[in-house]
Amino acid sequence: MRDCLDRILEYTNAERARFDASRLVQDAVIRNLQTLAESSQRLSSEIKGTEPQIPWRELAGFRNVIVHGYLGVDLGAIWLVVEQDLPTLTEAVNRMATHLGPDS
């Protein structure tokens, strides 16, 4: 999960203009969000329970929207996730990794 979060930051540099300017960046971000959401589904309930402020169920649902393209992919909505949700998720994933140890 950390790898996906790091890649999204690398691709966008947290800049909307960079995201908007390149379909390649958009596709890479969407793919990493998909992988991130899939990975979150594999976390145990115990681990998820250490970060109850993260909407784990909604994250899984977001993956389904991306994969199945319900109503098309809204790039504005994707960017809002990157801008508003990923910083909190990154902090949570880092805390979980610390809790799990160096091999997480």
C-alpha atoms as a PDB file:
ATOM      1  CA  MET A   1       0.000   0.000   0.000  1.00  0.00           C
ATOM      2  CA  ARG A   2       2.836   2.372   0.814  1.00  0.00           C
ATOM      3  CA  ASP A   3       4.332   1.732  -2.599  1.00  0.00           C
ATOM      4  CA  CYS A   4       1.080   2.757  -4.304  1.00  0.00           C
ATOM      5  CA  LEU A   5       0.824   5.893  -2.191  1.00  0.00           C
ATOM      6  CA  ASP A   6       4.450   6.792  -2.924  1.00  0.00           C
ATOM      7  CA  ARG A   7       3.952   6.259  -6.647  1.00  0.00           C
ATOM      8  CA  ILE A   8       0.875   8.476  -6.762  1.00  0.00           C
ATOM      9  CA  LEU A   9       2.801  11.259  -5.055  1.00  0.00           C
ATOM     10  CA  GLU A  10       5.750  10.716  -7.393  1.00  0.00           C
ATOM     11  CA  TYR A  11       3.546  10.864 -10.497  1.00  0.00           C
ATOM     12  CA  THR A  12       1.580  13.938  -9.466  1.00  0.00           C
ATOM     13  CA  ASN A  13       3.935  15.778  -7.125  1.00  0.00           C
ATOM     14  CA  ALA A  14       0.633  16.703  -5.417  1.00  0.00           C
ATOM     15  CA  GLU A  15      -0.114  19.093  -8.290  1.00  0.00           C
ATOM     16  CA  ARG A  16      -3.489  19.079 -10.026  1.00  0.00           C
ATOM     17  CA  ALA A  17      -1.992  20.636 -13.168  1.00  0.00           C
ATOM     18  CA  ARG A  18       0.444  17.754 -13.493  1.00  0.00           C
ATOM     19  CA  PHE A  19      -2.400  15.268 -13.129  1.00  0.00           C
ATOM     20  CA  ASP A  20      -4.615  17.092 -15.630  1.00  0.00           C
ATOM     21  CA  ALA A  21      -1.853  17.510 -18.211  1.00  0.00           C
ATOM     22  CA  SER A  22      -1.093  13.854 -18.828  1.00  0.00           C
ATOM     23  CA  ARG A  23      -3.314  10.896 -19.587  1.00  0.00           C
ATOM     24  CA  LEU A  24      -0.336   8.726 -18.738  1.00  0.00           C
ATOM     25  CA  VAL A  25      -0.227  10.208 -15.222  1.00  0.00           C
ATOM     26  CA  GLN A  26      -4.004   9.880 -14.907  1.00  0.00           C
ATOM     27  CA  ASP A  27      -3.868   6.218 -15.909  1.00  0.00           C
ATOM     28  CA  ALA A  28      -0.963   5.542 -13.534  1.00  0.00           C
ATOM     29  CA  VAL A  29      -2.753   7.216 -10.636  1.00  0.00           C
ATOM     30  CA  ILE A  30      -5.987   5.343 -11.336  1.00  0.00           C
ATOM     31  CA  ARG A  31      -4.123   2.033 -11.557  1.00  0.00           C
ATOM     32  CA  ASN A  32      -2.347   2.645  -8.262  1.00  0.00           C
ATOM     33  CA  LEU A  33      -5.598   3.654  -6.577  1.00  0.00           C
ATOM     34  CA  GLN A  34      -7.084   0.382  -7.810  1.00  0.00           C
ATOM     35  CA  THR A  35      -4.146  -1.617  -6.458  1.00  0.00           C
ATOM     36  CA  LEU A  36      -4.286   0.320  -3.191  1.00  0.00           C
ATOM     37  CA  ALA A  37      -7.979  -0.446  -2.759  1.00  0.00           C
ATOM     38  CA  GLU A  38      -7.454  -4.125  -3.603  1.00  0.00           C
ATOM     39  CA  SER A  39      -4.611  -4.331  -1.100  1.00  0.00           C
ATOM     40  CA  SER A  40      -6.759  -2.769   1.600  1.00  0.00           C
ATOM     41  CA  GLN A  41      -9.257  -5.609   1.213  1.00  0.00           C
ATOM     42  CA  ARG A  42      -6.544  -8.080   2.186  1.00  0.00           C
ATOM     43  CA  LEU A  43      -5.854  -6.404   5.525  1.00  0.00           C
ATOM     44  CA  SER A  44      -7.135  -8.218   8.573  1.00  0.00           C
ATOM     45  CA  SER A  45      -9.967  -6.746  10.598  1.00  0.00           C
ATOM     46  CA  GLU A  46      -7.528  -6.456  13.487  1.00  0.00           C
ATOM     47  CA  ILE A  47      -5.155  -4.253  11.486  1.00  0.00           C
ATOM     48  CA  LYS A  48      -7.994  -2.166  10.055  1.00  0.00           C
ATOM     49  CA  GLY A  49      -9.270  -1.746  13.590  1.00  0.00           C
ATOM     50  CA  THR A  50      -6.102   0.126  14.524  1.00  0.00           C
ATOM     51  CA  GLU A  51      -7.181   2.895  12.124  1.00  0.00           C
ATOM     52  CA  PRO A  52     -10.962   3.178  12.564  1.00  0.00           C
ATOM     53  CA  GLN A  53     -11.082   6.670  11.021  1.00  0.00           C
ATOM     54  CA  ILE A  54     -10.293   5.184   7.602  1.00  0.00           C
ATOM     55  CA  PRO A  55     -13.484   4.259   5.701  1.00  0.00           C
ATOM     56  CA  TRP A  56     -12.259   0.800   4.675  1.00  0.00           C
ATOM     57  CA  ARG A  57     -15.579  -0.311   3.179  1.00  0.00           C
ATOM     58  CA  GLU A  58     -15.824   2.830   1.042  1.00  0.00           C
ATOM     59  CA  LEU A  59     -12.254   2.292  -0.123  1.00  0.00           C
ATOM     60  CA  ALA A  60     -13.225  -1.173  -1.351  1.00  0.00           C
ATOM     61  CA  GLY A  61     -16.292   0.274  -3.070  1.00  0.00           C
ATOM     62  CA  PHE A  62     -14.137   2.906  -4.731  1.00  0.00           C
ATOM     63  CA  ARG A  63     -12.072   0.097  -6.252  1.00  0.00           C
ATOM     64  CA  ASN A  64     -15.210  -1.376  -7.808  1.00  0.00           C
ATOM     65  CA  VAL A  65     -16.116   1.961  -9.366  1.00  0.00           C
ATOM     66  CA  ILE A  66     -12.642   2.269 -10.881  1.00  0.00           C
ATOM     67  CA  VAL A  67     -12.413  -1.316 -12.135  1.00  0.00           C
ATOM     68  CA  HIS A  68     -15.894  -1.547 -13.571  1.00  0.00           C
ATOM     69  CA  GLY A  69     -16.043   2.042 -14.779  1.00  0.00           C
ATOM     70  CA  TYR A  70     -19.527   2.668 -13.486  1.00  0.00           C
ATOM     71  CA  LEU A  71     -20.672   5.804 -15.280  1.00  0.00           C
ATOM     72  CA  GLY A  72     -17.119   6.405 -16.512  1.00  0.00           C
ATOM     73  CA  VAL A  73     -14.212   7.564 -14.414  1.00  0.00           C
ATOM     74  CA  ASP A  74     -14.588  11.115 -13.144  1.00  0.00           C
ATOM     75  CA  LEU A  75     -11.091  12.606 -13.147  1.00  0.00           C
ATOM     76  CA  GLY A  76     -12.209  15.411 -10.863  1.00  0.00           C
ATOM     77  CA  ALA A  77     -13.378  12.862  -8.306  1.00  0.00           C
ATOM     78  CA  ILE A  78     -10.128  10.933  -8.672  1.00  0.00           C
ATOM     79  CA  TRP A  79      -8.157  14.092  -7.961  1.00  0.00           C
ATOM     80  CA  LEU A  80     -10.283  14.863  -4.896  1.00  0.00           C
ATOM     81  CA  VAL A  81      -9.390  11.443  -3.518  1.00  0.00           C
ATOM     82  CA  VAL A  82      -5.704  12.118  -4.172  1.00  0.00           C
ATOM     83  CA  GLU A  83      -5.835  15.569  -2.634  1.00  0.00           C
ATOM     84  CA  GLN A  84      -8.201  15.038   0.289  1.00  0.00           C
ATOM     85  CA  ASP A  85      -8.090  11.365   1.248  1.00  0.00           C
ATOM     86  CA  LEU A  86      -4.606  10.110   0.485  1.00  0.00           C
ATOM     87  CA  PRO A  87      -2.732  12.246   3.045  1.00  0.00           C
ATOM     88  CA  THR A  88      -4.805  10.753   5.879  1.00  0.00           C
ATOM     89  CA  LEU A  89      -4.543   7.267   4.408  1.00  0.00           C
ATOM     90  CA  THR A  90      -0.775   7.658   4.026  1.00  0.00           C
ATOM     91  CA  GLU A  91      -0.437   8.559   7.701  1.00  0.00           C
ATOM     92  CA  ALA A  92      -2.588   5.581   8.686  1.00  0.00           C
ATOM     93  CA  VAL A  93      -0.645   3.161   6.484  1.00  0.00           C
ATOM     94  CA  ASN A  94       2.628   4.417   7.936  1.00  0.00           C
ATOM     95  CA  ARG A  95       1.334   3.884  11.477  1.00  0.00           C
ATOM     96  CA  MET A  96       0.097   0.395  10.587  1.00  0.00           C
ATOM     97  CA  ALA A  97       3.460  -0.464   9.034  1.00  0.00           C
ATOM     98  CA  THR A  98       5.215   0.663  12.205  1.00  0.00           C
ATOM     99  CA  HIS A  99       2.848  -1.510  14.228  1.00  0.00           C
ATOM    100  CA  LEU A 100       3.445  -4.523  11.966  1.00  0.00           C
ATOM    101  CA  GLY A 101       7.217  -4.169  11.811  1.00  0.00           C
ATOM    102  CA  PRO A 102       9.848  -3.759   9.089  1.00  0.00           C
ATOM    103  CA  ASP A 103       8.621  -6.583   6.842  1.00  0.00           C
ATOM    104  CA  SER A 104       5.192  -5.030   6.294  1.00  0.00           C
END
